[in-house]
Amino acid sequence: MLFVAGLKGKPASGTLADLDITAQTKLALEATKNVVEEAGFKMTDIVSVNVYLVDINEIDKMNEVYGKMMPDPKPTRVTVEVGHIRSGGRIEISCIAIKQ
């Protein structure tokens, strides 16, 4: 099993606060993929995802990126609104992966 928490992604330049939810979602999912694969797992091994959004009204834009980047079958997911994410983050992702 692999437990991954607190992934926001790091922009190549600038800060997270300079990026919209679409760009931040892509970065967070790329960071998730990197951590999962470096640990010897595949994205298809992810069984559960928690998504934390600063603004729940951005869920449709987040879902658009999430739907394209997460492989099928999609893992179970909980999405909640939070008051604040450090470093200007609009999204943070945690997940659990189990080798199949």
PDB file of N, CA and C in Angstrom:
ATOM      1  N   MET A   1       0.839  -1.182   0.000  1.00  0.00           N
ATOM      2  CA  MET A   1       0.000   0.000   0.000  1.00  0.00           C
ATOM      3  C   MET A   1       0.884   1.247   0.000  1.00  0.00           C
ATOM      4  N   LEU A   2       0.355   2.297  -0.584  1.00  0.00           N
ATOM      5  CA  LEU A   2       1.045   3.577  -0.638  1.00  0.00           C
ATOM      6  C   LEU A   2       0.068   4.669  -0.237  1.00  0.00           C
ATOM      7  N   PHE A   3       0.478   5.501   0.708  1.00  0.00           N
ATOM      8  CA  PHE A   3      -0.328   6.626   1.164  1.00  0.00           C
ATOM      9  C   PHE A   3       0.389   7.907   0.746  1.00  0.00           C
ATOM     10  N   VAL A   4      -0.283   8.732  -0.037  1.00  0.00           N
ATOM     11  CA  VAL A   4       0.300   9.967  -0.553  1.00  0.00           C
ATOM     12  C   VAL A   4      -0.555  11.129  -0.073  1.00  0.00           C
ATOM     13  N   ALA A   5       0.083  12.154   0.480  1.00  0.00           N
ATOM     14  CA  ALA A   5      -0.691  13.278   1.020  1.00  0.00           C
ATOM     15  C   ALA A   5      -0.088  14.623   0.644  1.00  0.00           C
ATOM     16  N   GLY A   6      -0.954  15.608   0.559  1.00  0.00           N
ATOM     17  CA  GLY A   6      -0.536  16.993   0.461  1.00  0.00           C
ATOM     18  C   GLY A   6       0.120  17.415  -0.835  1.00  0.00           C
ATOM     19  N   LEU A   7      -0.321  16.886  -1.969  1.00  0.00           N
ATOM     20  CA  LEU A   7       0.322  17.245  -3.234  1.00  0.00           C
ATOM     21  C   LEU A   7      -0.378  18.415  -3.906  1.00  0.00           C
ATOM     22  N   LYS A   8       0.415  19.439  -4.199  1.00  0.00           N
ATOM     23  CA  LYS A   8      -0.093  20.612  -4.895  1.00  0.00           C
ATOM     24  C   LYS A   8       0.577  20.767  -6.253  1.00  0.00           C
ATOM     25  N   GLY A   9       1.769  20.303  -6.376  1.00  0.00           N
ATOM     26  CA  GLY A   9       2.527  20.524  -7.599  1.00  0.00           C
ATOM     27  C   GLY A   9       3.306  21.819  -7.496  1.00  0.00           C
ATOM     28  N   LYS A  10       4.398  21.896  -8.214  1.00  0.00           N
ATOM     29  CA  LYS A  10       5.239  23.089  -8.191  1.00  0.00           C
ATOM     30  C   LYS A  10       5.330  23.642  -9.601  1.00  0.00           C
ATOM     31  N   PRO A  11       4.965  24.919  -9.761  1.00  0.00           N
ATOM     32  CA  PRO A  11       5.076  25.508 -11.094  1.00  0.00           C
ATOM     33  C   PRO A  11       6.540  25.695 -11.486  1.00  0.00           C
ATOM     34  N   ALA A  12       6.804  25.626 -12.776  1.00  0.00           N
ATOM     35  CA  ALA A  12       8.172  25.797 -13.269  1.00  0.00           C
ATOM     36  C   ALA A  12       8.709  27.182 -12.931  1.00  0.00           C
ATOM     37  N   SER A  13       7.839  28.165 -12.982  1.00  0.00           N
ATOM     38  CA  SER A  13       8.242  29.518 -12.595  1.00  0.00           C
ATOM     39  C   SER A  13       7.049  30.207 -11.954  1.00  0.00           C
ATOM     40  N   GLY A  14       7.306  31.212 -11.171  1.00  0.00           N
ATOM     41  CA  GLY A  14       6.212  31.898 -10.504  1.00  0.00           C
ATOM     42  C   GLY A  14       5.749  31.149  -9.269  1.00  0.00           C
ATOM     43  N   THR A  15       4.558  31.473  -8.825  1.00  0.00           N
ATOM     44  CA  THR A  15       3.998  30.840  -7.642  1.00  0.00           C
ATOM     45  C   THR A  15       2.643  30.245  -7.964  1.00  0.00           C
ATOM     46  N   LEU A  16       2.177  29.374  -7.083  1.00  0.00           N
ATOM     47  CA  LEU A  16       0.858  28.783  -7.277  1.00  0.00           C
ATOM     48  C   LEU A  16      -0.223  29.848  -7.364  1.00  0.00           C
ATOM     49  N   ALA A  17      -0.077  30.917  -6.589  1.00  0.00           N
ATOM     50  CA  ALA A  17      -1.087  31.972  -6.569  1.00  0.00           C
ATOM     51  C   ALA A  17      -1.278  32.604  -7.953  1.00  0.00           C
ATOM     52  N   ASP A  18      -0.278  32.473  -8.830  1.00  0.00           N
ATOM     53  CA  ASP A  18      -0.376  33.038 -10.175  1.00  0.00           C
ATOM     54  C   ASP A  18      -1.153  32.139 -11.138  1.00  0.00           C
ATOM     55  N   LEU A  19      -1.513  30.928 -10.700  1.00  0.00           N
ATOM     56  CA  LEU A  19      -2.141  29.948 -11.585  1.00  0.00           C
ATOM     57  C   LEU A  19      -3.604  29.722 -11.233  1.00  0.00           C
ATOM     58  N   ASP A  20      -4.442  29.479 -12.253  1.00  0.00           N
ATOM     59  CA  ASP A  20      -5.844  29.194 -12.016  1.00  0.00           C
ATOM     60  C   ASP A  20      -6.032  27.733 -11.610  1.00  0.00           C
ATOM     61  N   ILE A  21      -7.264  27.354 -11.313  1.00  0.00           N
ATOM     62  CA  ILE A  21      -7.548  25.999 -10.823  1.00  0.00           C
ATOM     63  C   ILE A  21      -7.209  24.938 -11.866  1.00  0.00           C
ATOM     64  N   THR A  22      -7.384  25.245 -13.134  1.00  0.00           N
ATOM     65  CA  THR A  22      -7.061  24.271 -14.184  1.00  0.00           C
ATOM     66  C   THR A  22      -5.574  23.937 -14.169  1.00  0.00           C
ATOM     67  N   ALA A  23      -4.741  24.957 -14.144  1.00  0.00           N
ATOM     68  CA  ALA A  23      -3.293  24.736 -14.130  1.00  0.00           C
ATOM     69  C   ALA A  23      -2.856  24.073 -12.835  1.00  0.00           C
ATOM     70  N   GLN A  24      -3.437  24.484 -11.712  1.00  0.00           N
ATOM     71  CA  GLN A  24      -3.052  23.896 -10.430  1.00  0.00           C
ATOM     72  C   GLN A  24      -3.494  22.436 -10.338  1.00  0.00           C
ATOM     73  N   THR A  25      -4.647  22.103 -10.894  1.00  0.00           N
ATOM     74  CA  THR A  25      -5.101  20.707 -10.890  1.00  0.00           C
ATOM     75  C   THR A  25      -4.140  19.839 -11.696  1.00  0.00           C
ATOM     76  N   LYS A  26      -3.741  20.337 -12.866  1.00  0.00           N
ATOM     77  CA  LYS A  26      -2.791  19.593 -13.700  1.00  0.00           C
ATOM     78  C   LYS A  26      -1.483  19.367 -12.956  1.00  0.00           C
ATOM     79  N   LEU A  27      -0.966  20.398 -12.307  1.00  0.00           N
ATOM     80  CA  LEU A  27       0.283  20.263 -11.544  1.00  0.00           C
ATOM     81  C   LEU A  27       0.137  19.265 -10.405  1.00  0.00           C
ATOM     82  N   ALA A  28      -0.975  19.337  -9.691  1.00  0.00           N
ATOM     83  CA  ALA A  28      -1.190  18.432  -8.558  1.00  0.00           C
ATOM     84  C   ALA A  28      -1.287  16.979  -9.026  1.00  0.00           C
ATOM     85  N   LEU A  29      -1.959  16.751 -10.148  1.00  0.00           N
ATOM     86  CA  LEU A  29      -2.072  15.384 -10.657  1.00  0.00           C
ATOM     87  C   LEU A  29      -0.749  14.891 -11.241  1.00  0.00           C
ATOM     88  N   GLU A  30       0.026  15.767 -11.857  1.00  0.00           N
ATOM     89  CA  GLU A  30       1.365  15.380 -12.326  1.00  0.00           C
ATOM     90  C   GLU A  30       2.259  15.022 -11.139  1.00  0.00           C
ATOM     91  N   ALA A  31       2.168  15.790 -10.057  1.00  0.00           N
ATOM     92  CA  ALA A  31       2.945  15.491  -8.852  1.00  0.00           C
ATOM     93  C   ALA A  31       2.516  14.151  -8.263  1.00  0.00           C
ATOM     94  N   THR A  32       1.213  13.893  -8.269  1.00  0.00           N
ATOM     95  CA  THR A  32       0.689  12.617  -7.779  1.00  0.00           C
ATOM     96  C   THR A  32       1.261  11.466  -8.603  1.00  0.00           C
ATOM     97  N   LYS A  33       1.207  11.606  -9.911  1.00  0.00           N
ATOM     98  CA  LYS A  33       1.734  10.561 -10.797  1.00  0.00           C
ATOM     99  C   LYS A  33       3.218  10.317 -10.536  1.00  0.00           C
ATOM    100  N   ASN A  34       3.987  11.386 -10.386  1.00  0.00           N
ATOM    101  CA  ASN A  34       5.427  11.236 -10.127  1.00  0.00           C
ATOM    102  C   ASN A  34       5.690  10.472  -8.840  1.00  0.00           C
ATOM    103  N   VAL A  35       5.001  10.831  -7.768  1.00  0.00           N
ATOM    104  CA  VAL A  35       5.213  10.160  -6.478  1.00  0.00           C
ATOM    105  C   VAL A  35       4.796   8.695  -6.563  1.00  0.00           C
ATOM    106  N   VAL A  36       3.637   8.449  -7.154  1.00  0.00           N
ATOM    107  CA  VAL A  36       3.121   7.079  -7.272  1.00  0.00           C
ATOM    108  C   VAL A  36       4.084   6.214  -8.085  1.00  0.00           C
ATOM    109  N   GLU A  37       4.523   6.713  -9.213  1.00  0.00           N
ATOM    110  CA  GLU A  37       5.411   5.917 -10.070  1.00  0.00           C
ATOM    111  C   GLU A  37       6.804   5.751  -9.464  1.00  0.00           C
ATOM    112  N   GLU A  38       7.309   6.781  -8.786  1.00  0.00           N
ATOM    113  CA  GLU A  38       8.623   6.651  -8.132  1.00  0.00           C
ATOM    114  C   GLU A  38       8.590   5.598  -7.030  1.00  0.00           C
ATOM    115  N   ALA A  39       7.421   5.360  -6.455  1.00  0.00           N
ATOM    116  CA  ALA A  39       7.278   4.344  -5.412  1.00  0.00           C
ATOM    117  C   ALA A  39       7.024   2.951  -5.995  1.00  0.00           C
ATOM    118  N   GLY A  40       7.011   2.847  -7.317  1.00  0.00           N
ATOM    119  CA  GLY A  40       6.838   1.542  -7.956  1.00  0.00           C
ATOM    120  C   GLY A  40       5.391   1.145  -8.183  1.00  0.00           C
ATOM    121  N   PHE A  41       4.492   2.108  -8.102  1.00  0.00           N
ATOM    122  CA  PHE A  41       3.073   1.856  -8.341  1.00  0.00           C
ATOM    123  C   PHE A  41       2.688   2.481  -9.677  1.00  0.00           C
ATOM    124  N   LYS A  42       1.459   2.180 -10.128  1.00  0.00           N
ATOM    125  CA  LYS A  42       0.895   2.789 -11.330  1.00  0.00           C
ATOM    126  C   LYS A  42      -0.314   3.622 -10.924  1.00  0.00           C
ATOM    127  N   MET A  43      -0.676   4.565 -11.757  1.00  0.00           N
ATOM    128  CA  MET A  43      -1.866   5.380 -11.479  1.00  0.00           C
ATOM    129  C   MET A  43      -3.116   4.517 -11.370  1.00  0.00           C
ATOM    130  N   THR A  44      -3.149   3.405 -12.076  1.00  0.00           N
ATOM    131  CA  THR A  44      -4.304   2.500 -11.986  1.00  0.00           C
ATOM    132  C   THR A  44      -4.346   1.760 -10.652  1.00  0.00           C
ATOM    133  N   ASP A  45      -3.275   1.832  -9.861  1.00  0.00           N
ATOM    134  CA  ASP A  45      -3.266   1.226  -8.525  1.00  0.00           C
ATOM    135  C   ASP A  45      -3.946   2.125  -7.488  1.00  0.00           C
ATOM    136  N   ILE A  46      -4.221   3.387  -7.850  1.00  0.00           N
ATOM    137  CA  ILE A  46      -4.877   4.294  -6.907  1.00  0.00           C
ATOM    138  C   ILE A  46      -6.322   3.854  -6.711  1.00  0.00           C
ATOM    139  N   VAL A  47      -6.704   3.669  -5.452  1.00  0.00           N
ATOM    140  CA  VAL A  47      -8.061   3.206  -5.136  1.00  0.00           C
ATOM    141  C   VAL A  47      -8.913   4.271  -4.461  1.00  0.00           C
ATOM    142  N   SER A  48      -8.277   5.312  -3.937  1.00  0.00           N
ATOM    143  CA  SER A  48      -9.023   6.352  -3.232  1.00  0.00           C
ATOM    144  C   SER A  48      -8.284   7.684  -3.354  1.00  0.00           C
ATOM    145  N   VAL A  49      -9.049   8.758  -3.601  1.00  0.00           N
ATOM    146  CA  VAL A  49      -8.483  10.097  -3.742  1.00  0.00           C
ATOM    147  C   VAL A  49      -9.294  11.069  -2.890  1.00  0.00           C
ATOM    148  N   ASN A  50      -8.593  11.956  -2.207  1.00  0.00           N
ATOM    149  CA  ASN A  50      -9.225  13.085  -1.524  1.00  0.00           C
ATOM    150  C   ASN A  50      -8.749  14.346  -2.224  1.00  0.00           C
ATOM    151  N   VAL A  51      -9.687  15.205  -2.606  1.00  0.00           N
ATOM    152  CA  VAL A  51      -9.374  16.471  -3.250  1.00  0.00           C
ATOM    153  C   VAL A  51      -9.869  17.585  -2.341  1.00  0.00           C
ATOM    154  N   TYR A  52      -8.974  18.513  -2.046  1.00  0.00           N
ATOM    155  CA  TYR A  52      -9.298  19.659  -1.199  1.00  0.00           C
ATOM    156  C   TYR A  52      -9.258  20.907  -2.072  1.00  0.00           C
ATOM    157  N   LEU A  53     -10.382  21.616  -2.149  1.00  0.00           N
ATOM    158  CA  LEU A  53     -10.485  22.825  -2.961  1.00  0.00           C
ATOM    159  C   LEU A  53     -10.728  24.036  -2.073  1.00  0.00           C
ATOM    160  N   VAL A  54     -10.066  25.136  -2.375  1.00  0.00           N
ATOM    161  CA  VAL A  54     -10.313  26.378  -1.648  1.00  0.00           C
ATOM    162  C   VAL A  54     -11.693  26.932  -2.014  1.00  0.00           C
ATOM    163  N   ASP A  55     -12.124  26.714  -3.263  1.00  0.00           N
ATOM    164  CA  ASP A  55     -13.423  27.205  -3.720  1.00  0.00           C
ATOM    165  C   ASP A  55     -14.166  26.068  -4.414  1.00  0.00           C
ATOM    166  N   ILE A  56     -15.196  25.530  -3.769  1.00  0.00           N
ATOM    167  CA  ILE A  56     -15.947  24.393  -4.313  1.00  0.00           C
ATOM    168  C   ILE A  56     -16.612  24.755  -5.643  1.00  0.00           C
ATOM    169  N   ASN A  57     -16.789  26.040  -5.916  1.00  0.00           N
ATOM    170  CA  ASN A  57     -17.370  26.467  -7.190  1.00  0.00           C
ATOM    171  C   ASN A  57     -16.436  26.184  -8.365  1.00  0.00           C
ATOM    172  N   GLU A  58     -15.199  25.822  -8.090  1.00  0.00           N
ATOM    173  CA  GLU A  58     -14.241  25.479  -9.152  1.00  0.00           C
ATOM    174  C   GLU A  58     -14.231  23.982  -9.463  1.00  0.00           C
ATOM    175  N   ILE A  59     -15.181  23.248  -8.894  1.00  0.00           N
ATOM    176  CA  ILE A  59     -15.185  21.782  -9.043  1.00  0.00           C
ATOM    177  C   ILE A  59     -15.349  21.357 -10.509  1.00  0.00           C
ATOM    178  N   ASP A  60     -16.153  22.075 -11.290  1.00  0.00           N
ATOM    179  CA  ASP A  60     -16.343  21.676 -12.684  1.00  0.00           C
ATOM    180  C   ASP A  60     -15.038  21.785 -13.481  1.00  0.00           C
ATOM    181  N   LYS A  61     -14.290  22.861 -13.268  1.00  0.00           N
ATOM    182  CA  LYS A  61     -13.002  23.022 -13.954  1.00  0.00           C
ATOM    183  C   LYS A  61     -12.011  21.966 -13.486  1.00  0.00           C
ATOM    184  N   MET A  62     -12.010  21.676 -12.183  1.00  0.00           N
ATOM    185  CA  MET A  62     -11.135  20.627 -11.652  1.00  0.00           C
ATOM    186  C   MET A  62     -11.526  19.280 -12.246  1.00  0.00           C
ATOM    187  N   ASN A  63     -12.831  18.988 -12.294  1.00  0.00           N
ATOM    188  CA  ASN A  63     -13.305  17.710 -12.828  1.00  0.00           C
ATOM    189  C   ASN A  63     -12.903  17.509 -14.285  1.00  0.00           C
ATOM    190  N   GLU A  64     -12.880  18.584 -15.047  1.00  0.00           N
ATOM    191  CA  GLU A  64     -12.504  18.478 -16.457  1.00  0.00           C
ATOM    192  C   GLU A  64     -11.068  17.967 -16.596  1.00  0.00           C
ATOM    193  N   VAL A  65     -10.157  18.529 -15.832  1.00  0.00           N
ATOM    194  CA  VAL A  65      -8.756  18.094 -15.870  1.00  0.00           C
ATOM    195  C   VAL A  65      -8.622  16.704 -15.261  1.00  0.00           C
ATOM    196  N   TYR A  66      -9.254  16.486 -14.113  1.00  0.00           N
ATOM    197  CA  TYR A  66      -9.199  15.204 -13.410  1.00  0.00           C
ATOM    198  C   TYR A  66      -9.681  14.074 -14.331  1.00  0.00           C
ATOM    199  N   GLY A  67     -10.782  14.317 -15.022  1.00  0.00           N
ATOM    200  CA  GLY A  67     -11.342  13.294 -15.901  1.00  0.00           C
ATOM    201  C   GLY A  67     -10.413  12.891 -17.028  1.00  0.00           C
ATOM    202  N   LYS A  68      -9.613  13.851 -17.513  1.00  0.00           N
ATOM    203  CA  LYS A  68      -8.673  13.559 -18.605  1.00  0.00           C
ATOM    204  C   LYS A  68      -7.393  12.892 -18.105  1.00  0.00           C
ATOM    205  N   MET A  69      -6.973  13.235 -16.889  1.00  0.00           N
ATOM    206  CA  MET A  69      -5.662  12.777 -16.409  1.00  0.00           C
ATOM    207  C   MET A  69      -5.704  11.500 -15.576  1.00  0.00           C
ATOM    208  N   MET A  70      -6.830  11.221 -14.939  1.00  0.00           N
ATOM    209  CA  MET A  70      -6.923   9.998 -14.123  1.00  0.00           C
ATOM    210  C   MET A  70      -7.397   8.851 -14.999  1.00  0.00           C
ATOM    211  N   PRO A  71      -6.669   7.733 -14.986  1.00  0.00           N
ATOM    212  CA  PRO A  71      -7.048   6.609 -15.843  1.00  0.00           C
ATOM    213  C   PRO A  71      -8.313   5.921 -15.339  1.00  0.00           C
ATOM    214  N   ASP A  72      -8.977   5.241 -16.255  1.00  0.00           N
ATOM    215  CA  ASP A  72     -10.141   4.422 -15.901  1.00  0.00           C
ATOM    216  C   ASP A  72      -9.657   3.058 -15.446  1.00  0.00           C
ATOM    217  N   PRO A  73     -10.338   2.401 -14.549  1.00  0.00           N
ATOM    218  CA  PRO A  73     -11.501   2.920 -13.828  1.00  0.00           C
ATOM    219  C   PRO A  73     -11.073   3.960 -12.793  1.00  0.00           C
ATOM    220  N   LYS A  74     -11.855   5.022 -12.692  1.00  0.00           N
ATOM    221  CA  LYS A  74     -11.540   6.085 -11.744  1.00  0.00           C
ATOM    222  C   LYS A  74     -11.671   5.553 -10.310  1.00  0.00           C
ATOM    223  N   PRO A  75     -10.765   5.965  -9.431  1.00  0.00           N
ATOM    224  CA  PRO A  75     -10.863   5.548  -8.024  1.00  0.00           C
ATOM    225  C   PRO A  75     -12.004   6.294  -7.329  1.00  0.00           C
ATOM    226  N   THR A  76     -12.397   5.792  -6.178  1.00  0.00           N
ATOM    227  CA  THR A  76     -13.368   6.533  -5.383  1.00  0.00           C
ATOM    228  C   THR A  76     -12.753   7.877  -5.037  1.00  0.00           C
ATOM    229  N   ARG A  77     -13.622   8.879  -4.850  1.00  0.00           N
ATOM    230  CA  ARG A  77     -13.087  10.206  -4.585  1.00  0.00           C
ATOM    231  C   ARG A  77     -14.009  10.989  -3.666  1.00  0.00           C
ATOM    232  N   VAL A  78     -13.391  11.728  -2.768  1.00  0.00           N
ATOM    233  CA  VAL A  78     -14.085  12.688  -1.922  1.00  0.00           C
ATOM    234  C   VAL A  78     -13.520  14.058  -2.268  1.00  0.00           C
ATOM    235  N   THR A  79     -14.385  15.035  -2.484  1.00  0.00           N
ATOM    236  CA  THR A  79     -13.949  16.403  -2.754  1.00  0.00           C
ATOM    237  C   THR A  79     -14.599  17.317  -1.724  1.00  0.00           C
ATOM    238  N   VAL A  80     -13.775  18.085  -1.030  1.00  0.00           N
ATOM    239  CA  VAL A  80     -14.293  18.983   0.005  1.00  0.00           C
ATOM    240  C   VAL A  80     -13.695  20.376  -0.155  1.00  0.00           C
ATOM    241  N   GLU A  81     -14.428  21.351   0.343  1.00  0.00           N
ATOM    242  CA  GLU A  81     -13.939  22.724   0.354  1.00  0.00           C
ATOM    243  C   GLU A  81     -13.226  22.986   1.669  1.00  0.00           C
ATOM    244  N   VAL A  82     -12.081  23.646   1.571  1.00  0.00           N
ATOM    245  CA  VAL A  82     -11.298  23.996   2.760  1.00  0.00           C
ATOM    246  C   VAL A  82     -11.082  25.510   2.779  1.00  0.00           C
ATOM    247  N   GLY A  83     -10.759  26.039   3.928  1.00  0.00           N
ATOM    248  CA  GLY A  83     -10.594  27.478   4.070  1.00  0.00           C
ATOM    249  C   GLY A  83      -9.313  28.034   3.479  1.00  0.00           C
ATOM    250  N   HIS A  84      -8.246  27.239   3.485  1.00  0.00           N
ATOM    251  CA  HIS A  84      -6.955  27.775   3.058  1.00  0.00           C
ATOM    252  C   HIS A  84      -6.003  26.629   2.732  1.00  0.00           C
ATOM    253  N   ILE A  85      -5.194  26.830   1.696  1.00  0.00           N
ATOM    254  CA  ILE A  85      -4.105  25.913   1.362  1.00  0.00           C
ATOM    255  C   ILE A  85      -2.849  26.766   1.255  1.00  0.00           C
ATOM    256  N   ARG A  86      -1.776  26.322   1.886  1.00  0.00           N
ATOM    257  CA  ARG A  86      -0.519  27.086   1.905  1.00  0.00           C
ATOM    258  C   ARG A  86       0.013  27.373   0.509  1.00  0.00           C
ATOM    259  N   SER A  87       0.816  28.391   0.426  1.00  0.00           N
ATOM    260  CA  SER A  87       1.552  28.772  -0.783  1.00  0.00           C
ATOM    261  C   SER A  87       0.657  29.211  -1.933  1.00  0.00           C
ATOM    262  N   GLY A  88      -0.536  29.667  -1.631  1.00  0.00           N
ATOM    263  CA  GLY A  88      -1.429  30.125  -2.691  1.00  0.00           C
ATOM    264  C   GLY A  88      -2.114  29.014  -3.447  1.00  0.00           C
ATOM    265  N   GLY A  89      -2.084  27.808  -2.887  1.00  0.00           N
ATOM    266  CA  GLY A  89      -2.721  26.676  -3.544  1.00  0.00           C
ATOM    267  C   GLY A  89      -4.230  26.803  -3.584  1.00  0.00           C
ATOM    268  N   ARG A  90      -4.827  26.329  -4.674  1.00  0.00           N
ATOM    269  CA  ARG A  90      -6.280  26.280  -4.804  1.00  0.00           C
ATOM    270  C   ARG A  90      -6.768  24.844  -4.675  1.00  0.00           C
ATOM    271  N   ILE A  91      -5.819  23.879  -4.779  1.00  0.00           N
ATOM    272  CA  ILE A  91      -6.157  22.457  -4.730  1.00  0.00           C
ATOM    273  C   ILE A  91      -5.022  21.691  -4.071  1.00  0.00           C
ATOM    274  N   GLU A  92      -5.389  20.640  -3.344  1.00  0.00           N
ATOM    275  CA  GLU A  92      -4.412  19.714  -2.768  1.00  0.00           C
ATOM    276  C   GLU A  92      -5.003  18.320  -2.899  1.00  0.00           C
ATOM    277  N   ILE A  93      -4.157  17.343  -3.170  1.00  0.00           N
ATOM    278  CA  ILE A  93      -4.614  15.975  -3.419  1.00  0.00           C
ATOM    279  C   ILE A  93      -3.890  15.001  -2.506  1.00  0.00           C
ATOM    280  N   SER A  94      -4.667  14.058  -1.961  1.00  0.00           N
ATOM    281  CA  SER A  94      -4.114  12.915  -1.220  1.00  0.00           C
ATOM    282  C   SER A  94      -4.703  11.660  -1.856  1.00  0.00           C
ATOM    283  N   CYS A  95      -3.976  10.556  -1.784  1.00  0.00           N
ATOM    284  CA  CYS A  95      -4.514   9.312  -2.355  1.00  0.00           C
ATOM    285  C   CYS A  95      -3.927   8.088  -1.657  1.00  0.00           C
ATOM    286  N   ILE A  96      -4.583   6.974  -1.903  1.00  0.00           N
ATOM    287  CA  ILE A  96      -4.127   5.669  -1.440  1.00  0.00           C
ATOM    288  C   ILE A  96      -4.030   4.758  -2.660  1.00  0.00           C
ATOM    289  N   ALA A  97      -2.901   4.076  -2.790  1.00  0.00           N
ATOM    290  CA  ALA A  97      -2.721   3.125  -3.887  1.00  0.00           C
ATOM    291  C   ALA A  97      -2.448   1.742  -3.302  1.00  0.00           C
ATOM    292  N   ILE A  98      -2.956   0.735  -3.964  1.00  0.00           N
ATOM    293  CA  ILE A  98      -2.731  -0.659  -3.584  1.00  0.00           C
ATOM    294  C   ILE A  98      -2.291  -1.409  -4.830  1.00  0.00           C
ATOM    295  N   LYS A  99      -1.162  -2.103  -4.734  1.00  0.00           N
ATOM    296  CA  LYS A  99      -0.700  -2.881  -5.898  1.00  0.00           C
ATOM    297  C   LYS A  99      -1.679  -3.996  -6.166  1.00  0.00           C
ATOM    298  N   GLN A 100      -2.078  -4.068  -7.407  1.00  0.00           N
ATOM    299  CA  GLN A 100      -3.069  -5.069  -7.818  1.00  0.00           C
ATOM    300  C   GLN A 100      -2.399  -6.389  -8.160  1.00  0.00           C
TER     301      GLN A 100
END
